[in-house]
Amino acid sequence: MDTTLRLAQQPEADALLSRSPLATLIGMLLDQQIPMEWAFTGPYTIAQRMGGDDLDAQAVAACGPEAFATLLSAKPAVHRYPGAMAGRVQQLCRALVDHYGGDAAAVWRDARSGEELLGRLTALPGFGMQKAQIFLALLGKQLGVRPPGWREAAGPYGEDGCYRSVADITGSESLERVRAYKQEAKRAAKAAKASGAASPPPGGRRTQGGKPER
């Protein structure tokens, strides 16, 4: 990756995201139920606690589950639910080792179409449709991964000029615009629930439980 990402809003963490496809994937995995900056700082924190300046899928997958959960739980915790997310991070890394030789970038490197890439992403542990579409949009908009049909496969997150997700964050100003969009989406969801409406907020999809998926 030769693009500087600014998702963590912290120089060292963003530098890791910019050079490490695995770090970016893990940050996307962590991006639920916590602020985006916290989620995308997580890979840097994990790397530091594992004693390195980068992440290795094989090393993460090989960690004992209890030890890895303890690593994520140490203060400041990597996530609001560090134990559960530790398990998900290891599941993701095991899948990358088993199917891509531990090379995270291989998930998208030779994808022939946006639909193929979306299918690869949704097959990863922890990546539902919406998360996969957001990550696909991030790849296309900021990292130059643009197989034919990538915008269509990314759904609303692939549109130009929108500020719906991390795919649109390039600095503090765009971060605030994305945050404002998410807050409005939450207000719309609450209003819909109060009125008994069943439709999801703009740009959102409902999970089986009826709540918008991040």
C-alpha atoms as a PDB file:
ATOM      1  CA  MET A   1       0.000   0.000   0.000  1.00  0.00           C
ATOM      2  CA  ASP A   2       1.428   3.389  -0.941  1.00  0.00           C
ATOM      3  CA  THR A   3      -1.506   5.494   0.232  1.00  0.00           C
ATOM      4  CA  THR A   4      -1.523   7.039   3.686  1.00  0.00           C
ATOM      5  CA  LEU A   5      -4.721   6.077   5.461  1.00  0.00           C
ATOM      6  CA  ARG A   6      -6.054   8.321   8.205  1.00  0.00           C
ATOM      7  CA  LEU A   7      -8.635   6.091   9.817  1.00  0.00           C
ATOM      8  CA  ALA A   8      -7.129   5.918  13.298  1.00  0.00           C
ATOM      9  CA  GLN A   9      -6.310   9.639  13.416  1.00  0.00           C
ATOM     10  CA  GLN A  10      -3.076   8.623  15.157  1.00  0.00           C
ATOM     11  CA  PRO A  11       0.180   8.776  13.156  1.00  0.00           C
ATOM     12  CA  GLU A  12       1.787   5.491  14.193  1.00  0.00           C
ATOM     13  CA  ALA A  13      -1.456   3.548  13.925  1.00  0.00           C
ATOM     14  CA  ASP A  14      -2.267   5.065  10.537  1.00  0.00           C
ATOM     15  CA  ALA A  15       1.241   4.290   9.292  1.00  0.00           C
ATOM     16  CA  LEU A  16       0.695   0.621  10.133  1.00  0.00           C
ATOM     17  CA  LEU A  17      -2.684   0.598   8.386  1.00  0.00           C
ATOM     18  CA  SER A  18      -1.095   2.167   5.323  1.00  0.00           C
ATOM     19  CA  ARG A  19       1.613  -0.478   4.947  1.00  0.00           C
ATOM     20  CA  SER A  20      -0.147  -3.585   6.278  1.00  0.00           C
ATOM     21  CA  PRO A  21      -3.165  -5.123   4.525  1.00  0.00           C
ATOM     22  CA  LEU A  22      -3.667  -7.408   7.530  1.00  0.00           C
ATOM     23  CA  ALA A  23      -3.818  -4.440   9.892  1.00  0.00           C
ATOM     24  CA  THR A  24      -6.455  -2.778   7.713  1.00  0.00           C
ATOM     25  CA  LEU A  25      -8.555  -5.962   7.616  1.00  0.00           C
ATOM     26  CA  ILE A  26      -8.339  -6.364  11.390  1.00  0.00           C
ATOM     27  CA  GLY A  27      -9.234  -2.712  11.919  1.00  0.00           C
ATOM     28  CA  MET A  28     -12.324  -3.209   9.765  1.00  0.00           C
ATOM     29  CA  LEU A  29     -13.220  -6.311  11.767  1.00  0.00           C
ATOM     30  CA  LEU A  30     -12.934  -4.367  15.033  1.00  0.00           C
ATOM     31  CA  ASP A  31     -15.072  -1.497  13.723  1.00  0.00           C
ATOM     32  CA  GLN A  32     -18.326  -2.251  15.496  1.00  0.00           C
ATOM     33  CA  GLN A  33     -19.832  -0.911  18.705  1.00  0.00           C
ATOM     34  CA  ILE A  34     -16.873   1.403  19.319  1.00  0.00           C
ATOM     35  CA  PRO A  35     -15.651   4.676  17.759  1.00  0.00           C
ATOM     36  CA  MET A  36     -13.952   4.206  14.397  1.00  0.00           C
ATOM     37  CA  GLU A  37     -10.658   5.693  15.585  1.00  0.00           C
ATOM     38  CA  TRP A  38     -10.527   3.220  18.482  1.00  0.00           C
ATOM     39  CA  ALA A  39     -11.159   0.302  16.135  1.00  0.00           C
ATOM     40  CA  PHE A  40      -8.456   1.260  13.643  1.00  0.00           C
ATOM     41  CA  THR A  41      -5.920   1.953  16.385  1.00  0.00           C
ATOM     42  CA  GLY A  42      -6.446  -1.635  17.546  1.00  0.00           C
ATOM     43  CA  PRO A  43      -4.073  -3.309  15.051  1.00  0.00           C
ATOM     44  CA  TYR A  44      -1.213  -1.039  16.121  1.00  0.00           C
ATOM     45  CA  THR A  45      -1.910  -1.799  19.783  1.00  0.00           C
ATOM     46  CA  ILE A  46      -1.955  -5.535  19.076  1.00  0.00           C
ATOM     47  CA  ALA A  47       1.319  -5.355  17.133  1.00  0.00           C
ATOM     48  CA  GLN A  48       3.012  -3.412  19.923  1.00  0.00           C
ATOM     49  CA  ARG A  49       1.841  -5.859  22.572  1.00  0.00           C
ATOM     50  CA  MET A  50       3.069  -8.777  20.479  1.00  0.00           C
ATOM     51  CA  GLY A  51       6.488  -7.143  20.411  1.00  0.00           C
ATOM     52  CA  GLY A  52       6.637  -6.089  16.780  1.00  0.00           C
ATOM     53  CA  ASP A  53       5.973  -3.210  14.409  1.00  0.00           C
ATOM     54  CA  ASP A  54       3.710  -5.224  12.106  1.00  0.00           C
ATOM     55  CA  LEU A  55       1.178  -8.028  12.279  1.00  0.00           C
ATOM     56  CA  ASP A  56       1.577 -11.596  11.044  1.00  0.00           C
ATOM     57  CA  ALA A  57      -1.491 -13.744  10.457  1.00  0.00           C
ATOM     58  CA  GLN A  58       0.363 -16.961  11.290  1.00  0.00           C
ATOM     59  CA  ALA A  59       1.634 -15.561  14.591  1.00  0.00           C
ATOM     60  CA  VAL A  60      -1.796 -14.267  15.601  1.00  0.00           C
ATOM     61  CA  ALA A  61      -3.479 -17.539  14.664  1.00  0.00           C
ATOM     62  CA  ALA A  62      -0.898 -19.535  16.626  1.00  0.00           C
ATOM     63  CA  CYS A  63      -1.403 -17.618  19.884  1.00  0.00           C
ATOM     64  CA  GLY A  64      -3.150 -19.418  22.694  1.00  0.00           C
ATOM     65  CA  PRO A  65      -6.751 -18.137  22.873  1.00  0.00           C
ATOM     66  CA  GLU A  66      -6.527 -17.159  26.535  1.00  0.00           C
ATOM     67  CA  ALA A  67      -3.201 -15.404  26.082  1.00  0.00           C
ATOM     68  CA  PHE A  68      -4.471 -13.502  23.065  1.00  0.00           C
ATOM     69  CA  ALA A  69      -7.659 -12.491  24.866  1.00  0.00           C
ATOM     70  CA  THR A  70      -5.540 -11.219  27.771  1.00  0.00           C
ATOM     71  CA  LEU A  71      -3.399  -9.249  25.327  1.00  0.00           C
ATOM     72  CA  LEU A  72      -6.457  -7.471  23.924  1.00  0.00           C
ATOM     73  CA  SER A  73      -7.983  -6.969  27.380  1.00  0.00           C
ATOM     74  CA  ALA A  74      -5.000  -5.177  28.939  1.00  0.00           C
ATOM     75  CA  LYS A  75      -5.702  -1.501  29.585  1.00  0.00           C
ATOM     76  CA  PRO A  76      -6.342   0.347  27.427  1.00  0.00           C
ATOM     77  CA  ALA A  77      -8.429  -2.446  25.956  1.00  0.00           C
ATOM     78  CA  VAL A  78      -8.400  -2.914  22.198  1.00  0.00           C
ATOM     79  CA  HIS A  79     -12.202  -3.130  22.115  1.00  0.00           C
ATOM     80  CA  ARG A  80     -15.238  -2.756  24.355  1.00  0.00           C
ATOM     81  CA  TYR A  81     -15.565  -6.541  24.167  1.00  0.00           C
ATOM     82  CA  PRO A  82     -11.916  -7.615  24.003  1.00  0.00           C
ATOM     83  CA  GLY A  83     -12.460 -11.297  24.766  1.00  0.00           C
ATOM     84  CA  ALA A  84     -15.034 -11.826  22.039  1.00  0.00           C
ATOM     85  CA  MET A  85     -13.100  -9.745  19.520  1.00  0.00           C
ATOM     86  CA  ALA A  86      -9.886 -11.614  20.290  1.00  0.00           C
ATOM     87  CA  GLY A  87     -11.614 -14.775  19.149  1.00  0.00           C
ATOM     88  CA  ARG A  88     -12.856 -13.113  15.972  1.00  0.00           C
ATOM     89  CA  VAL A  89      -9.427 -11.706  15.126  1.00  0.00           C
ATOM     90  CA  GLN A  90      -7.893 -15.159  15.511  1.00  0.00           C
ATOM     91  CA  GLN A  91     -10.643 -16.738  13.392  1.00  0.00           C
ATOM     92  CA  LEU A  92      -9.930 -14.192  10.661  1.00  0.00           C
ATOM     93  CA  CYS A  93      -6.200 -14.865  10.789  1.00  0.00           C
ATOM     94  CA  ARG A  94      -6.729 -18.631  10.688  1.00  0.00           C
ATOM     95  CA  ALA A  95      -8.893 -18.231   7.581  1.00  0.00           C
ATOM     96  CA  LEU A  96      -6.183 -16.118   5.944  1.00  0.00           C
ATOM     97  CA  VAL A  97      -3.555 -18.737   6.771  1.00  0.00           C
ATOM     98  CA  ASP A  98      -5.726 -21.612   5.542  1.00  0.00           C
ATOM     99  CA  HIS A  99      -6.949 -20.028   2.318  1.00  0.00           C
ATOM    100  CA  TYR A 100      -4.434 -17.304   1.410  1.00  0.00           C
ATOM    101  CA  GLY A 101      -1.147 -18.449   2.899  1.00  0.00           C
ATOM    102  CA  GLY A 102      -1.412 -15.741   5.544  1.00  0.00           C
ATOM    103  CA  ASP A 103      -1.257 -13.008   2.887  1.00  0.00           C
ATOM    104  CA  ALA A 104      -4.177 -10.636   3.528  1.00  0.00           C
ATOM    105  CA  ALA A 105      -3.663  -8.764   0.258  1.00  0.00           C
ATOM    106  CA  ALA A 106      -4.215 -12.015  -1.637  1.00  0.00           C
ATOM    107  CA  VAL A 107      -7.907 -11.668  -0.775  1.00  0.00           C
ATOM    108  CA  TRP A 108      -8.177  -8.871  -3.339  1.00  0.00           C
ATOM    109  CA  ARG A 109      -4.983  -8.931  -5.400  1.00  0.00           C
ATOM    110  CA  ASP A 110      -6.270 -11.044  -8.307  1.00  0.00           C
ATOM    111  CA  ALA A 111     -10.027 -10.578  -7.975  1.00  0.00           C
ATOM    112  CA  ARG A 112     -11.462 -10.426 -11.495  1.00  0.00           C
ATOM    113  CA  SER A 113     -14.626  -8.514 -10.614  1.00  0.00           C
ATOM    114  CA  GLY A 114     -16.265  -6.567  -7.859  1.00  0.00           C
ATOM    115  CA  GLU A 115     -18.700  -9.417  -7.264  1.00  0.00           C
ATOM    116  CA  GLU A 116     -15.868 -11.927  -6.913  1.00  0.00           C
ATOM    117  CA  LEU A 117     -14.102  -9.668  -4.443  1.00  0.00           C
ATOM    118  CA  LEU A 118     -17.301  -9.131  -2.471  1.00  0.00           C
ATOM    119  CA  GLY A 119     -17.766 -12.880  -2.293  1.00  0.00           C
ATOM    120  CA  ARG A 120     -14.239 -13.348  -0.968  1.00  0.00           C
ATOM    121  CA  LEU A 121     -14.777 -10.701   1.684  1.00  0.00           C
ATOM    122  CA  THR A 122     -18.129 -12.044   2.867  1.00  0.00           C
ATOM    123  CA  ALA A 123     -16.509 -15.485   3.198  1.00  0.00           C
ATOM    124  CA  LEU A 124     -14.101 -14.110   5.811  1.00  0.00           C
ATOM    125  CA  PRO A 125     -15.041 -14.641   9.479  1.00  0.00           C
ATOM    126  CA  GLY A 126     -16.665 -11.541  10.934  1.00  0.00           C
ATOM    127  CA  PHE A 127     -17.443  -9.910   7.578  1.00  0.00           C
ATOM    128  CA  GLY A 128     -21.154  -9.625   6.924  1.00  0.00           C
ATOM    129  CA  MET A 129     -22.480  -8.060   3.742  1.00  0.00           C
ATOM    130  CA  GLN A 130     -22.387  -4.474   4.953  1.00  0.00           C
ATOM    131  CA  LYS A 131     -18.899  -4.700   6.462  1.00  0.00           C
ATOM    132  CA  ALA A 132     -17.655  -6.367   3.281  1.00  0.00           C
ATOM    133  CA  GLN A 133     -19.176  -3.652   1.096  1.00  0.00           C
ATOM    134  CA  ILE A 134     -17.627  -0.909   3.216  1.00  0.00           C
ATOM    135  CA  PHE A 135     -14.207  -2.567   3.035  1.00  0.00           C
ATOM    136  CA  LEU A 136     -14.579  -3.055  -0.714  1.00  0.00           C
ATOM    137  CA  ALA A 137     -15.369   0.659  -1.017  1.00  0.00           C
ATOM    138  CA  LEU A 138     -12.290   1.486   1.064  1.00  0.00           C
ATOM    139  CA  LEU A 139     -10.136  -0.638  -1.235  1.00  0.00           C
ATOM    140  CA  GLY A 140     -11.535   1.067  -4.315  1.00  0.00           C
ATOM    141  CA  LYS A 141     -11.652   4.652  -3.110  1.00  0.00           C
ATOM    142  CA  GLN A 142      -8.382   4.849  -1.220  1.00  0.00           C
ATOM    143  CA  LEU A 143      -6.178   1.876  -2.094  1.00  0.00           C
ATOM    144  CA  GLY A 144      -6.588   1.607  -5.851  1.00  0.00           C
ATOM    145  CA  VAL A 145      -8.148  -1.873  -5.842  1.00  0.00           C
ATOM    146  CA  ARG A 146     -10.735  -1.473  -8.578  1.00  0.00           C
ATOM    147  CA  PRO A 147     -11.758  -4.650 -10.364  1.00  0.00           C
ATOM    148  CA  PRO A 148     -14.579  -4.197 -12.887  1.00  0.00           C
ATOM    149  CA  GLY A 149     -17.875  -3.517 -11.138  1.00  0.00           C
ATOM    150  CA  TRP A 150     -16.361  -2.669  -7.775  1.00  0.00           C
ATOM    151  CA  ARG A 151     -18.584   0.360  -7.202  1.00  0.00           C
ATOM    152  CA  GLU A 152     -21.725  -1.615  -7.921  1.00  0.00           C
ATOM    153  CA  ALA A 153     -20.591  -4.439  -5.636  1.00  0.00           C
ATOM    154  CA  ALA A 154     -19.892  -1.925  -2.853  1.00  0.00           C
ATOM    155  CA  GLY A 155     -23.500  -0.730  -2.997  1.00  0.00           C
ATOM    156  CA  PRO A 156     -24.185   2.736  -1.594  1.00  0.00           C
ATOM    157  CA  TYR A 157     -20.706   2.848  -0.039  1.00  0.00           C
ATOM    158  CA  GLY A 158     -19.106   2.908  -3.486  1.00  0.00           C
ATOM    159  CA  GLU A 159     -20.793   6.142  -4.525  1.00  0.00           C
ATOM    160  CA  ASP A 160     -18.650   9.229  -5.024  1.00  0.00           C
ATOM    161  CA  GLY A 161     -19.257  12.252  -2.838  1.00  0.00           C
ATOM    162  CA  CYS A 162     -20.933  10.377   0.002  1.00  0.00           C
ATOM    163  CA  TYR A 163     -19.743  10.288   3.596  1.00  0.00           C
ATOM    164  CA  ARG A 164     -21.283   7.061   4.836  1.00  0.00           C
ATOM    165  CA  SER A 165     -18.390   4.992   6.140  1.00  0.00           C
ATOM    166  CA  VAL A 166     -14.678   4.618   6.831  1.00  0.00           C
ATOM    167  CA  ALA A 167     -14.206   4.350   3.066  1.00  0.00           C
ATOM    168  CA  ASP A 168     -14.784   8.110   2.903  1.00  0.00           C
ATOM    169  CA  ILE A 169     -12.498   9.166   5.766  1.00  0.00           C
ATOM    170  CA  THR A 170      -9.347  10.944   4.627  1.00  0.00           C
ATOM    171  CA  GLY A 171      -8.873  13.320   7.556  1.00  0.00           C
ATOM    172  CA  SER A 172     -10.530  14.953  10.529  1.00  0.00           C
ATOM    173  CA  GLU A 173     -13.105  16.895   8.480  1.00  0.00           C
ATOM    174  CA  SER A 174     -14.379  13.866   6.595  1.00  0.00           C
ATOM    175  CA  LEU A 175     -14.382  11.894   9.841  1.00  0.00           C
ATOM    176  CA  GLU A 176     -16.796  14.404  11.332  1.00  0.00           C
ATOM    177  CA  ARG A 177     -19.002  14.212   8.238  1.00  0.00           C
ATOM    178  CA  VAL A 178     -19.150  10.423   8.452  1.00  0.00           C
ATOM    179  CA  ARG A 179     -19.873  10.628  12.159  1.00  0.00           C
ATOM    180  CA  ALA A 180     -22.713  13.086  11.506  1.00  0.00           C
ATOM    181  CA  TYR A 181     -24.154  10.725   8.891  1.00  0.00           C
ATOM    182  CA  LYS A 182     -24.085   7.806  11.321  1.00  0.00           C
ATOM    183  CA  GLN A 183     -25.745   9.871  14.037  1.00  0.00           C
ATOM    184  CA  GLU A 184     -28.495  10.866  11.639  1.00  0.00           C
ATOM    185  CA  ALA A 185     -28.916   7.221  10.610  1.00  0.00           C
ATOM    186  CA  LYS A 186     -29.324   6.260  14.271  1.00  0.00           C
ATOM    187  CA  ARG A 187     -31.913   8.974  14.791  1.00  0.00           C
ATOM    188  CA  ALA A 188     -33.785   7.767  11.722  1.00  0.00           C
ATOM    189  CA  ALA A 189     -33.687   4.202  13.004  1.00  0.00           C
ATOM    190  CA  LYS A 190     -35.080   5.250  16.379  1.00  0.00           C
ATOM    191  CA  ALA A 191     -37.824   7.278  14.723  1.00  0.00           C
ATOM    192  CA  ALA A 192     -38.702   4.340  12.471  1.00  0.00           C
ATOM    193  CA  LYS A 193     -38.833   2.005  15.444  1.00  0.00           C
ATOM    194  CA  ALA A 194     -41.024   4.407  17.374  1.00  0.00           C
ATOM    195  CA  SER A 195     -43.430   4.690  14.450  1.00  0.00           C
ATOM    196  CA  GLY A 196     -43.421   0.960  13.805  1.00  0.00           C
ATOM    197  CA  ALA A 197     -41.747   1.297  10.406  1.00  0.00           C
ATOM    198  CA  ALA A 198     -39.728  -1.656   9.184  1.00  0.00           C
ATOM    199  CA  SER A 199     -37.383   0.001   6.699  1.00  0.00           C
ATOM    200  CA  PRO A 200     -33.678   0.465   7.620  1.00  0.00           C
ATOM    201  CA  PRO A 201     -31.960   3.876   7.739  1.00  0.00           C
ATOM    202  CA  PRO A 202     -30.359   5.274   4.555  1.00  0.00           C
ATOM    203  CA  GLY A 203     -27.347   3.233   3.471  1.00  0.00           C
ATOM    204  CA  GLY A 204     -27.955   0.616   6.149  1.00  0.00           C
ATOM    205  CA  ARG A 205     -28.982  -3.013   6.172  1.00  0.00           C
ATOM    206  CA  ARG A 206     -30.791  -4.858   8.881  1.00  0.00           C
ATOM    207  CA  THR A 207     -29.404  -7.853  10.630  1.00  0.00           C
ATOM    208  CA  GLN A 208     -31.621 -10.766  11.589  1.00  0.00           C
ATOM    209  CA  GLY A 209     -32.309  -9.044  14.887  1.00  0.00           C
ATOM    210  CA  GLY A 210     -33.674  -6.008  13.065  1.00  0.00           C
ATOM    211  CA  LYS A 211     -30.879  -3.607  14.028  1.00  0.00           C
ATOM    212  CA  PRO A 212     -28.788  -1.794  11.397  1.00  0.00           C
ATOM    213  CA  GLU A 213     -25.478  -3.565  10.788  1.00  0.00           C
ATOM    214  CA  ARG A 214     -22.333  -1.406  10.919  1.00  0.00           C
END
